[in-house]
């Protein structure tokens, strides 16, 4: 329940304050969001399977975001940032859809 309240407060704060992202960090924001969504769907799947551990979720969430951002940063330094960004989105997208399918099977038994 605390997480849901935090989410609502965060969304409202974002809508009211309308924060801006510095230009230097803008390439990393979509990757961080996709990495966070991957951890979120993985946590939801683990919760439905009865395997959820808050410490594992937190470490997964933070490490996904940091590793994905590092890969994009490395790609920018090598001059292939767009290609590595696409690769990160594809890999995490596959994981998100895989977890979403497992959640759907669990909820709807289909």
C-alpha atoms as a PDB file:
ATOM      1  CA  UNK A   1       0.000   0.000   0.000  1.00  0.00           C
ATOM      2  CA  UNK A   2       2.888   2.358   0.763  1.00  0.00           C
ATOM      3  CA  UNK A   3       4.288   1.827  -2.734  1.00  0.00           C
ATOM      4  CA  UNK A   4       0.946   2.690  -4.354  1.00  0.00           C
ATOM      5  CA  UNK A   5       0.675   5.863  -2.275  1.00  0.00           C
ATOM      6  CA  UNK A   6       4.241   6.781  -3.204  1.00  0.00           C
ATOM      7  CA  UNK A   7       3.457   6.225  -6.874  1.00  0.00           C
ATOM      8  CA  UNK A   8       0.388   8.470  -6.714  1.00  0.00           C
ATOM      9  CA  UNK A   9       2.324  11.187  -4.868  1.00  0.00           C
ATOM     10  CA  UNK A  10       5.159  10.936  -7.400  1.00  0.00           C
ATOM     11  CA  UNK A  11       2.823  11.225 -10.389  1.00  0.00           C
ATOM     12  CA  UNK A  12       1.010  14.208  -8.865  1.00  0.00           C
ATOM     13  CA  UNK A  13       4.316  15.899  -7.982  1.00  0.00           C
ATOM     14  CA  UNK A  14       5.558  15.356 -11.537  1.00  0.00           C
ATOM     15  CA  UNK A  15       2.404  16.841 -13.026  1.00  0.00           C
ATOM     16  CA  UNK A  16       2.403  19.846 -10.699  1.00  0.00           C
ATOM     17  CA  UNK A  17       6.138  20.625 -10.663  1.00  0.00           C
ATOM     18  CA  UNK A  18       6.814  19.670 -14.317  1.00  0.00           C
ATOM     19  CA  UNK A  19      10.514  18.961 -13.814  1.00  0.00           C
ATOM     20  CA  UNK A  20      12.893  19.331 -16.725  1.00  0.00           C
ATOM     21  CA  UNK A  21      15.626  16.873 -17.572  1.00  0.00           C
ATOM     22  CA  UNK A  22      19.021  18.375 -18.416  1.00  0.00           C
ATOM     23  CA  UNK A  23      19.987  17.966 -22.062  1.00  0.00           C
ATOM     24  CA  UNK A  24      23.010  15.838 -21.146  1.00  0.00           C
ATOM     25  CA  UNK A  25      20.793  13.286 -19.372  1.00  0.00           C
ATOM     26  CA  UNK A  26      17.950  13.142 -21.909  1.00  0.00           C
ATOM     27  CA  UNK A  27      19.340  10.128 -23.833  1.00  0.00           C
ATOM     28  CA  UNK A  28      19.382   8.115 -20.603  1.00  0.00           C
ATOM     29  CA  UNK A  29      15.841   8.834 -19.406  1.00  0.00           C
ATOM     30  CA  UNK A  30      13.951   6.508 -21.789  1.00  0.00           C
ATOM     31  CA  UNK A  31      16.432   3.715 -21.112  1.00  0.00           C
ATOM     32  CA  UNK A  32      16.081   4.212 -17.348  1.00  0.00           C
ATOM     33  CA  UNK A  33      12.283   4.103 -17.650  1.00  0.00           C
ATOM     34  CA  UNK A  34      12.360   0.875 -19.664  1.00  0.00           C
ATOM     35  CA  UNK A  35      14.826  -0.678 -17.200  1.00  0.00           C
ATOM     36  CA  UNK A  36      12.602   0.361 -14.290  1.00  0.00           C
ATOM     37  CA  UNK A  37       9.541  -1.108 -16.025  1.00  0.00           C
ATOM     38  CA  UNK A  38      11.430  -4.368 -16.483  1.00  0.00           C
ATOM     39  CA  UNK A  39      12.137  -4.539 -12.758  1.00  0.00           C
ATOM     40  CA  UNK A  40       8.542  -3.579 -11.959  1.00  0.00           C
ATOM     41  CA  UNK A  41       7.053  -6.320 -14.144  1.00  0.00           C
ATOM     42  CA  UNK A  42       9.591  -8.812 -12.785  1.00  0.00           C
ATOM     43  CA  UNK A  43       8.601  -7.883  -9.238  1.00  0.00           C
ATOM     44  CA  UNK A  44       4.910  -8.234 -10.023  1.00  0.00           C
ATOM     45  CA  UNK A  45       5.531 -11.635 -11.578  1.00  0.00           C
ATOM     46  CA  UNK A  46       7.531 -12.727  -8.526  1.00  0.00           C
ATOM     47  CA  UNK A  47       4.740 -11.496  -6.241  1.00  0.00           C
ATOM     48  CA  UNK A  48       2.144 -13.528  -8.133  1.00  0.00           C
ATOM     49  CA  UNK A  49       4.417 -16.584  -8.045  1.00  0.00           C
ATOM     50  CA  UNK A  50       4.897 -16.143  -4.294  1.00  0.00           C
ATOM     51  CA  UNK A  51       8.636 -15.537  -4.659  1.00  0.00           C
ATOM     52  CA  UNK A  52       8.781 -11.770  -4.075  1.00  0.00           C
ATOM     53  CA  UNK A  53      11.590 -10.439  -1.910  1.00  0.00           C
ATOM     54  CA  UNK A  54      11.783  -6.682  -1.375  1.00  0.00           C
ATOM     55  CA  UNK A  55      15.578  -6.678  -1.145  1.00  0.00           C
ATOM     56  CA  UNK A  56      15.903  -8.567  -4.441  1.00  0.00           C
ATOM     57  CA  UNK A  57      13.402  -6.189  -6.055  1.00  0.00           C
ATOM     58  CA  UNK A  58      15.265  -3.091  -4.896  1.00  0.00           C
ATOM     59  CA  UNK A  59      18.639  -4.420  -6.022  1.00  0.00           C
ATOM     60  CA  UNK A  60      17.139  -5.531  -9.362  1.00  0.00           C
ATOM     61  CA  UNK A  61      15.483  -2.158  -9.879  1.00  0.00           C
ATOM     62  CA  UNK A  62      18.615  -0.139  -9.156  1.00  0.00           C
ATOM     63  CA  UNK A  63      21.015  -2.436 -10.992  1.00  0.00           C
ATOM     64  CA  UNK A  64      18.792  -2.551 -14.102  1.00  0.00           C
ATOM     65  CA  UNK A  65      18.735   1.233 -14.288  1.00  0.00           C
ATOM     66  CA  UNK A  66      22.464   1.637 -13.604  1.00  0.00           C
ATOM     67  CA  UNK A  67      23.585  -1.085 -16.020  1.00  0.00           C
ATOM     68  CA  UNK A  68      21.282   0.132 -18.796  1.00  0.00           C
ATOM     69  CA  UNK A  69      22.458   3.724 -18.340  1.00  0.00           C
ATOM     70  CA  UNK A  70      26.085   2.567 -18.324  1.00  0.00           C
ATOM     71  CA  UNK A  71      25.607   0.653 -21.579  1.00  0.00           C
ATOM     72  CA  UNK A  72      24.108   3.745 -23.233  1.00  0.00           C
ATOM     73  CA  UNK A  73      26.902   5.934 -21.813  1.00  0.00           C
ATOM     74  CA  UNK A  74      29.501   3.511 -23.142  1.00  0.00           C
ATOM     75  CA  UNK A  75      27.786   3.538 -26.532  1.00  0.00           C
ATOM     76  CA  UNK A  76      27.861   7.337 -26.559  1.00  0.00           C
ATOM     77  CA  UNK A  77      31.568   7.305 -25.775  1.00  0.00           C
ATOM     78  CA  UNK A  78      32.203   4.825 -28.587  1.00  0.00           C
ATOM     79  CA  UNK A  79      29.999   6.728 -31.044  1.00  0.00           C
ATOM     80  CA  UNK A  80      27.379   3.991 -31.305  1.00  0.00           C
ATOM     81  CA  UNK A  81      24.953   5.265 -28.670  1.00  0.00           C
ATOM     82  CA  UNK A  82      21.839   4.868 -30.809  1.00  0.00           C
ATOM     83  CA  UNK A  83      22.620   1.251 -31.649  1.00  0.00           C
ATOM     84  CA  UNK A  84      23.310   0.288 -28.038  1.00  0.00           C
ATOM     85  CA  UNK A  85      20.207   2.175 -26.887  1.00  0.00           C
ATOM     86  CA  UNK A  86      18.161   0.161 -29.351  1.00  0.00           C
ATOM     87  CA  UNK A  87      19.777  -3.061 -28.159  1.00  0.00           C
ATOM     88  CA  UNK A  88      18.984  -2.255 -24.518  1.00  0.00           C
ATOM     89  CA  UNK A  89      15.363  -1.411 -25.349  1.00  0.00           C
ATOM     90  CA  UNK A  90      14.956  -4.622 -27.364  1.00  0.00           C
ATOM     91  CA  UNK A  91      16.416  -6.854 -24.642  1.00  0.00           C
ATOM     92  CA  UNK A  92      14.462  -5.213 -21.840  1.00  0.00           C
ATOM     93  CA  UNK A  93      11.345  -5.103 -24.016  1.00  0.00           C
ATOM     94  CA  UNK A  94      11.557  -8.853 -24.541  1.00  0.00           C
ATOM     95  CA  UNK A  95      11.858  -9.346 -20.776  1.00  0.00           C
ATOM     96  CA  UNK A  96       8.920  -7.016 -20.113  1.00  0.00           C
ATOM     97  CA  UNK A  97       6.672  -8.847 -22.562  1.00  0.00           C
ATOM     98  CA  UNK A  98       7.799 -12.208 -21.199  1.00  0.00           C
ATOM     99  CA  UNK A  99       6.913 -11.130 -17.664  1.00  0.00           C
ATOM    100  CA  UNK A 100       3.635  -9.603 -18.877  1.00  0.00           C
ATOM    101  CA  UNK A 101       2.733 -12.922 -20.532  1.00  0.00           C
ATOM    102  CA  UNK A 102       3.485 -14.810 -17.315  1.00  0.00           C
ATOM    103  CA  UNK A 103       1.376 -12.334 -15.335  1.00  0.00           C
ATOM    104  CA  UNK A 104      -1.471 -12.713 -17.818  1.00  0.00           C
ATOM    105  CA  UNK A 105      -1.270 -16.505 -17.616  1.00  0.00           C
ATOM    106  CA  UNK A 106      -1.313 -16.321 -13.830  1.00  0.00           C
ATOM    107  CA  UNK A 107      -4.237 -13.897 -13.603  1.00  0.00           C
ATOM    108  CA  UNK A 108      -6.439 -15.272 -16.375  1.00  0.00           C
ATOM    109  CA  UNK A 109      -5.264 -18.901 -16.383  1.00  0.00           C
ATOM    110  CA  UNK A 110      -4.789 -18.551 -20.137  1.00  0.00           C
END
